[in-house]
N, C-alpha and C. Protein backbone atom coordinates (compact mmCIF):
# COMPACT_ATOMS: atom_id res chain seq x y z
N PRO A 1 -49.64 -56.12 -45.12
CA PRO A 1 -48.78 -57.05 -44.41
C PRO A 1 -49.28 -58.50 -44.53
N GLN A 2 -48.39 -59.43 -44.35
CA GLN A 2 -48.76 -60.83 -44.37
C GLN A 2 -49.80 -61.11 -43.30
N GLY A 3 -50.68 -62.07 -43.57
CA GLY A 3 -51.68 -62.44 -42.59
C GLY A 3 -53.01 -61.73 -42.77
N THR A 4 -53.07 -60.76 -43.67
CA THR A 4 -54.34 -60.12 -43.96
C THR A 4 -55.02 -60.89 -45.08
N ARG A 5 -56.29 -60.65 -45.34
CA ARG A 5 -56.98 -61.42 -46.36
C ARG A 5 -57.89 -60.56 -47.21
N ASP A 6 -58.23 -61.09 -48.35
CA ASP A 6 -59.20 -60.46 -49.24
C ASP A 6 -60.53 -61.19 -49.09
N TYR A 7 -61.62 -60.47 -49.33
CA TYR A 7 -62.95 -61.06 -49.29
C TYR A 7 -63.52 -61.10 -50.69
N SER A 8 -64.20 -62.18 -51.01
CA SER A 8 -64.85 -62.31 -52.32
C SER A 8 -66.06 -61.39 -52.37
N PRO A 9 -66.60 -61.11 -53.56
CA PRO A 9 -67.79 -60.27 -53.66
C PRO A 9 -68.96 -60.82 -52.83
N LYS A 10 -69.14 -62.12 -52.82
CA LYS A 10 -70.23 -62.72 -52.03
C LYS A 10 -70.00 -62.49 -50.53
N GLN A 11 -68.77 -62.70 -50.08
CA GLN A 11 -68.44 -62.48 -48.67
C GLN A 11 -68.63 -61.01 -48.30
N MET A 12 -68.23 -60.10 -49.19
CA MET A 12 -68.37 -58.67 -48.91
C MET A 12 -69.83 -58.26 -48.82
N ALA A 13 -70.68 -58.83 -49.67
CA ALA A 13 -72.10 -58.51 -49.61
C ALA A 13 -72.68 -58.88 -48.25
N ILE A 14 -72.30 -60.04 -47.75
CA ILE A 14 -72.77 -60.48 -46.42
C ILE A 14 -72.22 -59.56 -45.34
N ARG A 15 -70.93 -59.26 -45.40
CA ARG A 15 -70.31 -58.37 -44.40
C ARG A 15 -70.98 -57.00 -44.40
N GLU A 16 -71.22 -56.46 -45.58
CA GLU A 16 -71.86 -55.13 -45.66
C GLU A 16 -73.25 -55.14 -45.06
N ARG A 17 -74.03 -56.18 -45.32
CA ARG A 17 -75.38 -56.26 -44.73
C ARG A 17 -75.30 -56.32 -43.21
N VAL A 18 -74.40 -57.14 -42.69
CA VAL A 18 -74.26 -57.26 -41.24
C VAL A 18 -73.81 -55.93 -40.63
N PHE A 19 -72.78 -55.33 -41.22
CA PHE A 19 -72.30 -54.05 -40.70
C PHE A 19 -73.37 -52.97 -40.78
N ASN A 20 -74.15 -52.94 -41.85
CA ASN A 20 -75.22 -51.93 -41.97
C ASN A 20 -76.25 -52.08 -40.87
N VAL A 21 -76.61 -53.31 -40.52
CA VAL A 21 -77.55 -53.52 -39.42
C VAL A 21 -76.96 -53.01 -38.11
N ILE A 22 -75.71 -53.34 -37.86
CA ILE A 22 -75.05 -52.91 -36.62
C ILE A 22 -74.91 -51.40 -36.57
N ILE A 23 -74.44 -50.80 -37.67
CA ILE A 23 -74.24 -49.35 -37.71
C ILE A 23 -75.55 -48.61 -37.53
N THR A 24 -76.61 -49.08 -38.19
CA THR A 24 -77.92 -48.45 -38.05
C THR A 24 -78.39 -48.46 -36.60
N CYS A 25 -78.22 -49.60 -35.95
CA CYS A 25 -78.62 -49.73 -34.53
C CYS A 25 -77.80 -48.79 -33.66
N PHE A 26 -76.49 -48.76 -33.86
CA PHE A 26 -75.63 -47.89 -33.06
C PHE A 26 -75.99 -46.41 -33.27
N LYS A 27 -76.20 -46.02 -34.53
CA LYS A 27 -76.55 -44.63 -34.82
C LYS A 27 -77.86 -44.24 -34.16
N ARG A 28 -78.78 -45.16 -34.15
CA ARG A 28 -80.08 -44.91 -33.53
C ARG A 28 -79.92 -44.55 -32.05
N HIS A 29 -78.86 -45.03 -31.44
CA HIS A 29 -78.61 -44.78 -30.02
C HIS A 29 -77.53 -43.72 -29.81
N GLY A 30 -77.22 -42.94 -30.86
CA GLY A 30 -76.34 -41.79 -30.71
C GLY A 30 -74.87 -42.01 -31.01
N ALA A 31 -74.50 -43.20 -31.46
CA ALA A 31 -73.09 -43.46 -31.76
C ALA A 31 -72.70 -42.81 -33.08
N GLU A 32 -71.41 -42.58 -33.25
CA GLU A 32 -70.87 -42.05 -34.49
C GLU A 32 -69.94 -43.10 -35.10
N VAL A 33 -69.88 -43.15 -36.41
CA VAL A 33 -69.07 -44.14 -37.12
C VAL A 33 -67.64 -43.64 -37.28
N ILE A 34 -66.68 -44.50 -36.97
CA ILE A 34 -65.27 -44.23 -37.26
C ILE A 34 -64.70 -45.49 -37.90
N ASP A 35 -63.56 -45.36 -38.54
CA ASP A 35 -62.87 -46.51 -39.11
C ASP A 35 -61.38 -46.31 -38.87
N THR A 36 -60.77 -47.22 -38.15
CA THR A 36 -59.35 -47.12 -37.84
C THR A 36 -58.68 -48.45 -38.16
N PRO A 37 -57.37 -48.44 -38.40
CA PRO A 37 -56.68 -49.71 -38.67
C PRO A 37 -56.64 -50.59 -37.42
N VAL A 38 -56.72 -51.88 -37.64
CA VAL A 38 -56.64 -52.83 -36.53
C VAL A 38 -55.23 -52.89 -35.98
N PHE A 39 -54.25 -52.77 -36.87
CA PHE A 39 -52.86 -52.80 -36.43
C PHE A 39 -52.15 -51.55 -36.93
N GLU A 40 -51.10 -51.21 -36.23
CA GLU A 40 -50.30 -50.04 -36.59
C GLU A 40 -48.83 -50.40 -36.43
N LEU A 41 -47.97 -49.52 -36.93
CA LEU A 41 -46.54 -49.71 -36.70
C LEU A 41 -46.27 -49.68 -35.20
N LYS A 42 -45.41 -50.56 -34.74
CA LYS A 42 -45.12 -50.64 -33.31
C LYS A 42 -44.64 -49.32 -32.76
N GLU A 43 -43.79 -48.62 -33.51
CA GLU A 43 -43.24 -47.34 -33.02
C GLU A 43 -44.34 -46.31 -32.80
N THR A 44 -45.40 -46.36 -33.58
CA THR A 44 -46.52 -45.43 -33.40
C THR A 44 -47.23 -45.71 -32.08
N LEU A 45 -47.51 -46.98 -31.81
CA LEU A 45 -48.23 -47.33 -30.58
C LEU A 45 -47.37 -47.15 -29.34
N THR A 46 -46.09 -47.47 -29.41
CA THR A 46 -45.26 -47.27 -28.22
C THR A 46 -45.11 -45.79 -27.92
N GLY A 47 -45.19 -44.96 -28.95
CA GLY A 47 -45.18 -43.51 -28.72
C GLY A 47 -46.43 -43.03 -28.01
N LYS A 48 -47.57 -43.69 -28.28
CA LYS A 48 -48.83 -43.30 -27.65
C LYS A 48 -48.98 -43.88 -26.25
N TYR A 49 -48.59 -45.16 -26.08
CA TYR A 49 -48.89 -45.87 -24.84
C TYR A 49 -47.67 -46.17 -23.98
N GLY A 50 -46.47 -45.95 -24.51
CA GLY A 50 -45.25 -46.23 -23.75
C GLY A 50 -44.69 -47.60 -24.08
N GLU A 51 -43.39 -47.73 -23.96
CA GLU A 51 -42.69 -48.95 -24.34
C GLU A 51 -43.13 -50.17 -23.54
N ASP A 52 -43.38 -50.01 -22.25
CA ASP A 52 -43.71 -51.15 -21.39
C ASP A 52 -45.21 -51.39 -21.28
N SER A 53 -45.98 -50.72 -22.07
CA SER A 53 -47.43 -50.81 -21.96
C SER A 53 -47.95 -52.21 -22.26
N LYS A 54 -48.90 -52.65 -21.47
CA LYS A 54 -49.56 -53.93 -21.71
C LYS A 54 -50.81 -53.73 -22.57
N LEU A 55 -50.95 -52.53 -23.14
CA LEU A 55 -52.12 -52.21 -23.95
C LEU A 55 -51.95 -52.57 -25.42
N ILE A 56 -50.77 -53.05 -25.79
CA ILE A 56 -50.54 -53.42 -27.19
C ILE A 56 -50.06 -54.86 -27.27
N TYR A 57 -50.35 -55.51 -28.41
CA TYR A 57 -49.95 -56.88 -28.64
C TYR A 57 -49.05 -56.89 -29.87
N ASP A 58 -47.79 -57.30 -29.69
CA ASP A 58 -46.84 -57.29 -30.80
C ASP A 58 -47.09 -58.46 -31.75
N LEU A 59 -46.96 -58.16 -33.04
CA LEU A 59 -47.04 -59.19 -34.07
C LEU A 59 -45.64 -59.55 -34.52
N LYS A 60 -45.49 -60.69 -35.15
CA LYS A 60 -44.19 -61.06 -35.70
C LYS A 60 -43.83 -60.09 -36.81
N ASP A 61 -42.54 -60.07 -37.14
CA ASP A 61 -42.04 -59.24 -38.23
C ASP A 61 -42.83 -59.55 -39.50
N GLN A 62 -43.41 -58.53 -40.10
CA GLN A 62 -44.23 -58.68 -41.30
C GLN A 62 -43.49 -58.07 -42.49
N GLY A 63 -42.53 -58.82 -43.02
CA GLY A 63 -41.79 -58.31 -44.17
C GLY A 63 -40.97 -57.07 -43.86
N GLY A 64 -40.39 -57.02 -42.68
CA GLY A 64 -39.56 -55.88 -42.31
C GLY A 64 -40.27 -54.84 -41.47
N GLU A 65 -41.58 -54.98 -41.30
CA GLU A 65 -42.33 -54.02 -40.49
C GLU A 65 -42.66 -54.63 -39.13
N LEU A 66 -42.37 -53.90 -38.07
CA LEU A 66 -42.76 -54.34 -36.73
C LEU A 66 -44.13 -53.75 -36.43
N LEU A 67 -45.15 -54.62 -36.38
CA LEU A 67 -46.52 -54.17 -36.20
C LEU A 67 -47.04 -54.60 -34.85
N SER A 68 -48.08 -53.91 -34.38
CA SER A 68 -48.74 -54.25 -33.12
C SER A 68 -50.23 -54.04 -33.29
N LEU A 69 -51.00 -54.84 -32.51
CA LEU A 69 -52.44 -54.66 -32.47
C LEU A 69 -52.78 -53.64 -31.41
N ARG A 70 -53.75 -52.79 -31.71
CA ARG A 70 -54.21 -51.83 -30.72
C ARG A 70 -55.05 -52.53 -29.67
N TYR A 71 -54.90 -52.12 -28.42
CA TYR A 71 -55.61 -52.78 -27.32
C TYR A 71 -57.13 -52.68 -27.45
N ASP A 72 -57.61 -51.59 -28.00
CA ASP A 72 -59.07 -51.37 -28.05
C ASP A 72 -59.72 -52.04 -29.24
N LEU A 73 -58.96 -52.70 -30.09
CA LEU A 73 -59.54 -53.36 -31.25
C LEU A 73 -59.24 -54.85 -31.22
């Protein structure tokens, strides 16, 4: 969708180092790693949280897709 970005190889190397430090620390304390999308189709989230839920943030129309941000991300 519009509004997302690509990272250069240099930027990705920095991101990976930072994430590895964070993940290592979290795992040391018993956390488990997951990876989920930051945004989802609006219909998916309203099905989970309800139409009037204040737990989701609607995004503008992204090329015909109605997307929303998940409250926990």
